[in-house]
Amino acid sequence: MSQRSKRLPGEGFLGWLGRQVGYVRNAVRHPVADAGLAPAPPSPVDVPPEAQTIYRDRKVVEQPMPGRPEVLLRRTVIDEAVIRNDKD
């Protein structure tokens, strides 16, 4: 195999840029379901559908970052009380 056949088409920066645009264009055209990726497993925090939420409190606290007032720090806290209706 010659040295020339090992190289990618398009030399230099513009060739590289063209390949990157092609990769992105190809990725945008294909839906995520066709990518062959498995769905993420449910996290242990997920509540089963037969559970009932009896209390929910959501608090959001925002304040500017000390020394950098253009940056906003935000903390979100969600408290829940859930009744599980396990049928086992």
PDB file of N, CA and C in Angstrom:
ATOM      1  N   MET A   1       0.846  -1.160   0.000  1.00  0.00           N
ATOM      2  CA  MET A   1       0.000   0.000   0.000  1.00  0.00           C
ATOM      3  C   MET A   1       0.896   1.229   0.000  1.00  0.00           C
ATOM      4  N   SER A   2       0.586   2.154  -0.840  1.00  0.00           N
ATOM      5  CA  SER A   2       1.433   3.338  -0.934  1.00  0.00           C
ATOM      6  C   SER A   2       1.101   4.339   0.166  1.00  0.00           C
ATOM      7  N   GLN A   3       2.010   5.245   0.370  1.00  0.00           N
ATOM      8  CA  GLN A   3       1.829   6.283   1.385  1.00  0.00           C
ATOM      9  C   GLN A   3       0.628   7.165   1.056  1.00  0.00           C
ATOM     10  N   ARG A   4       0.366   7.402  -0.202  1.00  0.00           N
ATOM     11  CA  ARG A   4      -0.719   8.280  -0.640  1.00  0.00           C
ATOM     12  C   ARG A   4      -2.090   7.671  -0.308  1.00  0.00           C
ATOM     13  N   SER A   5      -2.245   6.341  -0.425  1.00  0.00           N
ATOM     14  CA  SER A   5      -3.538   5.720  -0.196  1.00  0.00           C
ATOM     15  C   SER A   5      -3.900   5.667   1.293  1.00  0.00           C
ATOM     16  N   LYS A   6      -2.935   5.814   2.170  1.00  0.00           N
ATOM     17  CA  LYS A   6      -3.210   5.819   3.605  1.00  0.00           C
ATOM     18  C   LYS A   6      -3.755   7.160   4.081  1.00  0.00           C
ATOM     19  N   ARG A   7      -3.552   8.206   3.329  1.00  0.00           N
ATOM     20  CA  ARG A   7      -3.963   9.542   3.746  1.00  0.00           C
ATOM     21  C   ARG A   7      -5.452   9.747   3.487  1.00  0.00           C
ATOM     22  N   LEU A   8      -6.061  10.562   4.295  1.00  0.00           N
ATOM     23  CA  LEU A   8      -7.462  10.911   4.100  1.00  0.00           C
ATOM     24  C   LEU A   8      -7.594  11.888   2.940  1.00  0.00           C
ATOM     25  N   PRO A   9      -8.744  11.891   2.265  1.00  0.00           N
ATOM     26  CA  PRO A   9      -8.919  12.838   1.167  1.00  0.00           C
ATOM     27  C   PRO A   9      -8.961  14.265   1.688  1.00  0.00           C
ATOM     28  N   GLY A  10      -8.465  15.183   0.914  1.00  0.00           N
ATOM     29  CA  GLY A  10      -8.446  16.588   1.331  1.00  0.00           C
ATOM     30  C   GLY A  10      -7.257  16.849   2.225  1.00  0.00           C
ATOM     31  N   GLU A  11      -6.321  17.589   1.725  1.00  0.00           N
ATOM     32  CA  GLU A  11      -5.126  17.861   2.505  1.00  0.00           C
ATOM     33  C   GLU A  11      -5.240  19.209   3.197  1.00  0.00           C
ATOM     34  N   GLY A  12      -4.567  19.349   4.295  1.00  0.00           N
ATOM     35  CA  GLY A  12      -4.490  20.624   4.988  1.00  0.00           C
ATOM     36  C   GLY A  12      -5.717  20.925   5.837  1.00  0.00           C
ATOM     37  N   PHE A  13      -5.768  22.157   6.262  1.00  0.00           N
ATOM     38  CA  PHE A  13      -6.826  22.594   7.163  1.00  0.00           C
ATOM     39  C   PHE A  13      -8.202  22.514   6.529  1.00  0.00           C
ATOM     40  N   LEU A  14      -8.347  22.924   5.279  1.00  0.00           N
ATOM     41  CA  LEU A  14      -9.667  22.901   4.642  1.00  0.00           C
ATOM     42  C   LEU A  14     -10.171  21.472   4.439  1.00  0.00           C
ATOM     43  N   GLY A  15      -9.297  20.541   4.179  1.00  0.00           N
ATOM     44  CA  GLY A  15      -9.707  19.142   4.081  1.00  0.00           C
ATOM     45  C   GLY A  15     -10.203  18.619   5.413  1.00  0.00           C
ATOM     46  N   TRP A  16      -9.479  18.940   6.478  1.00  0.00           N
ATOM     47  CA  TRP A  16      -9.886  18.536   7.814  1.00  0.00           C
ATOM     48  C   TRP A  16     -11.227  19.164   8.170  1.00  0.00           C
ATOM     49  N   LEU A  17     -11.385  20.456   7.877  1.00  0.00           N
ATOM     50  CA  LEU A  17     -12.636  21.149   8.187  1.00  0.00           C
ATOM     51  C   LEU A  17     -13.805  20.536   7.418  1.00  0.00           C
ATOM     52  N   GLY A  18     -13.584  20.176   6.171  1.00  0.00           N
ATOM     53  CA  GLY A  18     -14.628  19.543   5.380  1.00  0.00           C
ATOM     54  C   GLY A  18     -15.056  18.207   5.970  1.00  0.00           C
ATOM     55  N   ARG A  19     -14.095  17.431   6.457  1.00  0.00           N
ATOM     56  CA  ARG A  19     -14.442  16.154   7.087  1.00  0.00           C
ATOM     57  C   ARG A  19     -15.249  16.372   8.350  1.00  0.00           C
ATOM     58  N   GLN A  20     -14.892  17.379   9.149  1.00  0.00           N
ATOM     59  CA  GLN A  20     -15.631  17.646  10.384  1.00  0.00           C
ATOM     60  C   GLN A  20     -17.076  18.047  10.074  1.00  0.00           C
ATOM     61  N   VAL A  21     -17.254  18.887   9.069  1.00  0.00           N
ATOM     62  CA  VAL A  21     -18.605  19.299   8.669  1.00  0.00           C
ATOM     63  C   VAL A  21     -19.393  18.076   8.190  1.00  0.00           C
ATOM     64  N   GLY A  22     -18.749  17.187   7.463  1.00  0.00           N
ATOM     65  CA  GLY A  22     -19.410  15.973   7.001  1.00  0.00           C
ATOM     66  C   GLY A  22     -19.824  15.074   8.146  1.00  0.00           C
ATOM     67  N   TYR A  23     -18.972  14.935   9.155  1.00  0.00           N
ATOM     68  CA  TYR A  23     -19.316  14.119  10.322  1.00  0.00           C
ATOM     69  C   TYR A  23     -20.533  14.687  11.046  1.00  0.00           C
ATOM     70  N   VAL A  24     -20.548  15.990  11.242  1.00  0.00           N
ATOM     71  CA  VAL A  24     -21.666  16.628  11.937  1.00  0.00           C
ATOM     72  C   VAL A  24     -22.936  16.514  11.106  1.00  0.00           C
ATOM     73  N   ARG A  25     -22.823  16.747   9.801  1.00  0.00           N
ATOM     74  CA  ARG A  25     -23.985  16.655   8.913  1.00  0.00           C
ATOM     75  C   ARG A  25     -24.578  15.244   8.943  1.00  0.00           C
ATOM     76  N   ASN A  26     -23.728  14.244   8.938  1.00  0.00           N
ATOM     77  CA  ASN A  26     -24.185  12.865   9.002  1.00  0.00           C
ATOM     78  C   ASN A  26     -24.858  12.578  10.348  1.00  0.00           C
ATOM     79  N   ALA A  27     -24.298  13.084  11.424  1.00  0.00           N
ATOM     80  CA  ALA A  27     -24.871  12.856  12.751  1.00  0.00           C
ATOM     81  C   ALA A  27     -26.222  13.534  12.897  1.00  0.00           C
ATOM     82  N   VAL A  28     -26.392  14.714  12.323  1.00  0.00           N
ATOM     83  CA  VAL A  28     -27.659  15.440  12.439  1.00  0.00           C
ATOM     84  C   VAL A  28     -28.756  14.732  11.650  1.00  0.00           C
ATOM     85  N   ARG A  29     -28.414  14.113  10.550  1.00  0.00           N
ATOM     86  CA  ARG A  29     -29.415  13.460   9.696  1.00  0.00           C
ATOM     87  C   ARG A  29     -29.964  12.176  10.297  1.00  0.00           C
ATOM     88  N   HIS A  30     -29.204  11.502  11.150  1.00  0.00           N
ATOM     89  CA  HIS A  30     -29.641  10.222  11.704  1.00  0.00           C
ATOM     90  C   HIS A  30     -30.234  10.420  13.091  1.00  0.00           C
ATOM     91  N   PRO A  31     -31.421   9.848  13.349  1.00  0.00           N
ATOM     92  CA  PRO A  31     -32.006   9.949  14.690  1.00  0.00           C
ATOM     93  C   PRO A  31     -31.164   9.184  15.710  1.00  0.00           C
ATOM     94  N   VAL A  32     -31.304   9.534  16.943  1.00  0.00           N
ATOM     95  CA  VAL A  32     -30.515   8.924  18.005  1.00  0.00           C
ATOM     96  C   VAL A  32     -30.866   7.452  18.161  1.00  0.00           C
ATOM     97  N   ALA A  33     -32.124   7.068  17.944  1.00  0.00           N
ATOM     98  CA  ALA A  33     -32.536   5.678  18.094  1.00  0.00           C
ATOM     99  C   ALA A  33     -31.776   4.775  17.128  1.00  0.00           C
ATOM    100  N   ASP A  34     -31.387   5.273  15.963  1.00  0.00           N
ATOM    101  CA  ASP A  34     -30.662   4.475  14.983  1.00  0.00           C
ATOM    102  C   ASP A  34     -29.183   4.354  15.304  1.00  0.00           C
ATOM    103  N   ALA A  35     -28.708   5.050  16.310  1.00  0.00           N
ATOM    104  CA  ALA A  35     -27.285   5.036  16.625  1.00  0.00           C
ATOM    105  C   ALA A  35     -26.871   3.747  17.321  1.00  0.00           C
ATOM    106  N   GLY A  36     -27.824   2.917  17.743  1.00  0.00           N
ATOM    107  CA  GLY A  36     -27.495   1.663  18.406  1.00  0.00           C
ATOM    108  C   GLY A  36     -27.163   1.828  19.872  1.00  0.00           C
ATOM    109  N   LEU A  37     -27.513   2.950  20.463  1.00  0.00           N
ATOM    110  CA  LEU A  37     -27.237   3.175  21.869  1.00  0.00           C
ATOM    111  C   LEU A  37     -28.376   2.623  22.714  1.00  0.00           C
ATOM    112  N   ALA A  38     -28.040   1.975  23.801  1.00  0.00           N
ATOM    113  CA  ALA A  38     -29.055   1.448  24.705  1.00  0.00           C
ATOM    114  C   ALA A  38     -29.538   2.574  25.612  1.00  0.00           C
ATOM    115  N   PRO A  39     -30.819   2.554  25.992  1.00  0.00           N
ATOM    116  CA  PRO A  39     -31.301   3.585  26.909  1.00  0.00           C
ATOM    117  C   PRO A  39     -30.638   3.438  28.277  1.00  0.00           C
ATOM    118  N   ALA A  40     -30.507   4.538  28.961  1.00  0.00           N
ATOM    119  CA  ALA A  40     -29.858   4.531  30.266  1.00  0.00           C
ATOM    120  C   ALA A  40     -30.731   3.784  31.268  1.00  0.00           C
ATOM    121  N   PRO A  41     -30.129   2.985  32.146  1.00  0.00           N
ATOM    122  CA  PRO A  41     -30.931   2.280  33.145  1.00  0.00           C
ATOM    123  C   PRO A  41     -31.526   3.281  34.131  1.00  0.00           C
ATOM    124  N   PRO A  42     -32.688   2.983  34.693  1.00  0.00           N
ATOM    125  CA  PRO A  42     -33.291   3.923  35.636  1.00  0.00           C
ATOM    126  C   PRO A  42     -32.427   4.061  36.880  1.00  0.00           C
ATOM    127  N   SER A  43     -32.341   5.258  37.388  1.00  0.00           N
ATOM    128  CA  SER A  43     -31.537   5.487  38.579  1.00  0.00           C
ATOM    129  C   SER A  43     -32.322   5.034  39.805  1.00  0.00           C
ATOM    130  N   PRO A  44     -31.638   4.716  40.900  1.00  0.00           N
ATOM    131  CA  PRO A  44     -32.348   4.245  42.095  1.00  0.00           C
ATOM    132  C   PRO A  44     -33.235   5.314  42.707  1.00  0.00           C
ATOM    133  N   VAL A  45     -33.065   6.560  42.328  1.00  0.00           N
ATOM    134  CA  VAL A  45     -33.867   7.646  42.877  1.00  0.00           C
ATOM    135  C   VAL A  45     -35.226   7.729  42.185  1.00  0.00           C
ATOM    136  N   ASP A  46     -35.359   7.113  41.001  1.00  0.00           N
ATOM    137  CA  ASP A  46     -36.619   7.162  40.272  1.00  0.00           C
ATOM    138  C   ASP A  46     -37.725   6.512  41.089  1.00  0.00           C
ATOM    139  N   VAL A  47     -38.888   7.130  41.034  1.00  0.00           N
ATOM    140  CA  VAL A  47     -40.036   6.647  41.790  1.00  0.00           C
ATOM    141  C   VAL A  47     -40.872   5.765  40.874  1.00  0.00           C
ATOM    142  N   PRO A  48     -41.267   4.575  41.329  1.00  0.00           N
ATOM    143  CA  PRO A  48     -42.100   3.724  40.485  1.00  0.00           C
ATOM    144  C   PRO A  48     -43.459   4.372  40.219  1.00  0.00           C
ATOM    145  N   PRO A  49     -44.112   4.009  39.102  1.00  0.00           N
ATOM    146  CA  PRO A  49     -45.370   4.660  38.747  1.00  0.00           C
ATOM    147  C   PRO A  49     -46.487   4.423  39.748  1.00  0.00           C
ATOM    148  N   GLU A  50     -46.427   3.335  40.530  1.00  0.00           N
ATOM    149  CA  GLU A  50     -47.504   3.076  41.499  1.00  0.00           C
ATOM    150  C   GLU A  50     -47.297   3.802  42.827  1.00  0.00           C
ATOM    151  N   ALA A  51     -46.258   4.645  42.930  1.00  0.00           N
ATOM    152  CA  ALA A  51     -46.008   5.421  44.137  1.00  0.00           C
ATOM    153  C   ALA A  51     -46.802   6.724  44.090  1.00  0.00           C
ATOM    154  N   GLN A  52     -47.100   7.242  45.276  1.00  0.00           N
ATOM    155  CA  GLN A  52     -47.881   8.472  45.390  1.00  0.00           C
ATOM    156  C   GLN A  52     -47.082   9.505  46.171  1.00  0.00           C
ATOM    157  N   THR A  53     -46.903  10.685  45.583  1.00  0.00           N
ATOM    158  CA  THR A  53     -46.204  11.772  46.253  1.00  0.00           C
ATOM    159  C   THR A  53     -47.206  12.541  47.106  1.00  0.00           C
ATOM    160  N   ILE A  54     -46.943  12.607  48.419  1.00  0.00           N
ATOM    161  CA  ILE A  54     -47.868  13.304  49.303  1.00  0.00           C
ATOM    162  C   ILE A  54     -47.336  14.667  49.730  1.00  0.00           C
ATOM    163  N   TYR A  55     -46.049  14.921  49.546  1.00  0.00           N
ATOM    164  CA  TYR A  55     -45.467  16.213  49.909  1.00  0.00           C
ATOM    165  C   TYR A  55     -44.338  16.517  48.954  1.00  0.00           C
ATOM    166  N   ARG A  56     -44.294  17.762  48.476  1.00  0.00           N
ATOM    167  CA  ARG A  56     -43.213  18.187  47.599  1.00  0.00           C
ATOM    168  C   ARG A  56     -42.935  19.659  47.867  1.00  0.00           C
ATOM    169  N   ASP A  57     -41.675  19.962  48.137  1.00  0.00           N
ATOM    170  CA  ASP A  57     -41.256  21.334  48.389  1.00  0.00           C
ATOM    171  C   ASP A  57     -40.014  21.603  47.555  1.00  0.00           C
ATOM    172  N   ARG A  58     -40.076  22.644  46.733  1.00  0.00           N
ATOM    173  CA  ARG A  58     -38.957  22.996  45.850  1.00  0.00           C
ATOM    174  C   ARG A  58     -38.469  24.383  46.239  1.00  0.00           C
ATOM    175  N   LYS A  59     -37.187  24.478  46.554  1.00  0.00           N
ATOM    176  CA  LYS A  59     -36.592  25.750  46.935  1.00  0.00           C
ATOM    177  C   LYS A  59     -35.480  26.086  45.953  1.00  0.00           C
ATOM    178  N   VAL A  60     -35.475  27.319  45.471  1.00  0.00           N
ATOM    179  CA  VAL A  60     -34.430  27.804  44.580  1.00  0.00           C
ATOM    180  C   VAL A  60     -33.814  29.036  45.229  1.00  0.00           C
ATOM    181  N   VAL A  61     -32.502  28.989  45.438  1.00  0.00           N
ATOM    182  CA  VAL A  61     -31.780  30.117  46.036  1.00  0.00           C
ATOM    183  C   VAL A  61     -30.762  30.584  45.009  1.00  0.00           C
ATOM    184  N   GLU A  62     -30.807  31.878  44.679  1.00  0.00           N
ATOM    185  CA  GLU A  62     -29.873  32.458  43.716  1.00  0.00           C
ATOM    186  C   GLU A  62     -29.145  33.627  44.356  1.00  0.00           C
ATOM    187  N   GLN A  63     -27.857  33.748  44.039  1.00  0.00           N
ATOM    188  CA  GLN A  63     -27.087  34.909  44.482  1.00  0.00           C
ATOM    189  C   GLN A  63     -25.883  35.068  43.575  1.00  0.00           C
ATOM    190  N   PRO A  64     -25.389  36.289  43.427  1.00  0.00           N
ATOM    191  CA  PRO A  64     -24.206  36.497  42.588  1.00  0.00           C
ATOM    192  C   PRO A  64     -22.962  35.898  43.240  1.00  0.00           C
ATOM    193  N   MET A  65     -22.039  35.448  42.408  1.00  0.00           N
ATOM    194  CA  MET A  65     -20.797  34.864  42.903  1.00  0.00           C
ATOM    195  C   MET A  65     -19.911  35.966  43.475  1.00  0.00           C
ATOM    196  N   PRO A  66     -19.362  35.759  44.670  1.00  0.00           N
ATOM    197  CA  PRO A  66     -18.482  36.779  45.244  1.00  0.00           C
ATOM    198  C   PRO A  66     -17.264  37.016  44.348  1.00  0.00           C
ATOM    199  N   GLY A  67     -16.996  38.265  44.047  1.00  0.00           N
ATOM    200  CA  GLY A  67     -15.863  38.631  43.206  1.00  0.00           C
ATOM    201  C   GLY A  67     -16.183  38.640  41.721  1.00  0.00           C
ATOM    202  N   ARG A  68     -17.277  38.008  41.314  1.00  0.00           N
ATOM    203  CA  ARG A  68     -17.691  37.975  39.904  1.00  0.00           C
ATOM    204  C   ARG A  68     -19.208  38.142  39.849  1.00  0.00           C
ATOM    205  N   PRO A  69     -19.697  39.362  39.957  1.00  0.00           N
ATOM    206  CA  PRO A  69     -21.151  39.577  40.020  1.00  0.00           C
ATOM    207  C   PRO A  69     -21.896  39.195  38.736  1.00  0.00           C
ATOM    208  N   GLU A  70     -21.183  39.012  37.611  1.00  0.00           N
ATOM    209  CA  GLU A  70     -21.869  38.619  36.378  1.00  0.00           C
ATOM    210  C   GLU A  70     -22.226  37.127  36.370  1.00  0.00           C
ATOM    211  N   VAL A  71     -21.668  36.343  37.327  1.00  0.00           N
ATOM    212  CA  VAL A  71     -21.947  34.913  37.426  1.00  0.00           C
ATOM    213  C   VAL A  71     -22.980  34.704  38.524  1.00  0.00           C
ATOM    214  N   LEU A  72     -24.055  33.998  38.184  1.00  0.00           N
ATOM    215  CA  LEU A  72     -25.137  33.744  39.129  1.00  0.00           C
ATOM    216  C   LEU A  72     -25.029  32.313  39.632  1.00  0.00           C
ATOM    217  N   LEU A  73     -24.971  32.137  40.943  1.00  0.00           N
ATOM    218  CA  LEU A  73     -24.951  30.814  41.552  1.00  0.00           C
ATOM    219  C   LEU A  73     -26.379  30.440  41.920  1.00  0.00           C
ATOM    220  N   ARG A  74     -26.784  29.237  41.550  1.00  0.00           N
ATOM    221  CA  ARG A  74     -28.156  28.796  41.805  1.00  0.00           C
ATOM    222  C   ARG A  74     -28.128  27.431  42.469  1.00  0.00           C
ATOM    223  N   ARG A  75     -28.889  27.279  43.543  1.00  0.00           N
ATOM    224  CA  ARG A  75     -29.026  26.001  44.238  1.00  0.00           C
ATOM    225  C   ARG A  75     -30.510  25.642  44.248  1.00  0.00           C
ATOM    226  N   THR A  76     -30.818  24.426  43.801  1.00  0.00           N
ATOM    227  CA  THR A  76     -32.193  23.942  43.783  1.00  0.00           C
ATOM    228  C   THR A  76     -32.280  22.720  44.680  1.00  0.00           C
ATOM    229  N   VAL A  77     -33.217  22.752  45.631  1.00  0.00           N
ATOM    230  CA  VAL A  77     -33.416  21.643  46.554  1.00  0.00           C
ATOM    231  C   VAL A  77     -34.867  21.198  46.437  1.00  0.00           C
ATOM    232  N   ILE A  78     -35.075  19.897  46.238  1.00  0.00           N
ATOM    233  CA  ILE A  78     -36.425  19.345  46.150  1.00  0.00           C
ATOM    234  C   ILE A  78     -36.575  18.312  47.261  1.00  0.00           C
ATOM    235  N   ASP A  79     -37.544  18.540  48.152  1.00  0.00           N
ATOM    236  CA  ASP A  79     -37.868  17.594  49.216  1.00  0.00           C
ATOM    237  C   ASP A  79     -39.187  16.927  48.856  1.00  0.00           C
ATOM    238  N   GLU A  80     -39.236  15.601  48.962  1.00  0.00           N
ATOM    239  CA  GLU A  80     -40.447  14.863  48.639  1.00  0.00           C
ATOM    240  C   GLU A  80     -40.702  13.793  49.688  1.00  0.00           C
ATOM    241  N   ALA A  81     -41.980  13.559  49.940  1.00  0.00           N
ATOM    242  CA  ALA A  81     -42.421  12.416  50.737  1.00  0.00           C
ATOM    243  C   ALA A  81     -43.243  11.542  49.806  1.00  0.00           C
ATOM    244  N   VAL A  82     -42.840  10.272  49.662  1.00  0.00           N
ATOM    245  CA  VAL A  82     -43.466   9.365  48.707  1.00  0.00           C
ATOM    246  C   VAL A  82     -43.950   8.123  49.435  1.00  0.00           C
ATOM    247  N   ILE A  83     -45.181   7.710  49.118  1.00  0.00           N
ATOM    248  CA  ILE A  83     -45.725   6.458  49.634  1.00  0.00           C
ATOM    249  C   ILE A  83     -45.634   5.427  48.526  1.00  0.00           C
ATOM    250  N   ARG A  84     -44.943   4.328  48.787  1.00  0.00           N
ATOM    251  CA  ARG A  84     -44.840   3.262  47.801  1.00  0.00           C
ATOM    252  C   ARG A  84     -45.996   2.283  48.002  1.00  0.00           C
ATOM    253  N   ASN A  85     -46.608   1.910  46.927  1.00  0.00           N
ATOM    254  CA  ASN A  85     -47.705   0.947  46.950  1.00  0.00           C
ATOM    255  C   ASN A  85     -47.196  -0.380  46.406  1.00  0.00           C
ATOM    256  N   ASP A  86     -46.276  -1.013  47.151  1.00  0.00           N
ATOM    257  CA  ASP A  86     -45.715  -2.286  46.708  1.00  0.00           C
ATOM    258  C   ASP A  86     -46.776  -3.365  46.860  1.00  0.00           C
ATOM    259  N   LYS A  87     -46.959  -4.144  45.836  1.00  0.00           N
ATOM    260  CA  LYS A  87     -47.977  -5.175  45.848  1.00  0.00           C
ATOM    261  C   LYS A  87     -47.390  -6.542  46.192  1.00  0.00           C
ATOM    262  N   ASP A  88     -46.129  -6.572  46.631  1.00  0.00           N
ATOM    263  CA  ASP A  88     -45.475  -7.860  46.968  1.00  0.00           C
ATOM    264  C   ASP A  88     -45.857  -8.326  48.333  1.00  0.00           C
TER     265      ASP A  88
END
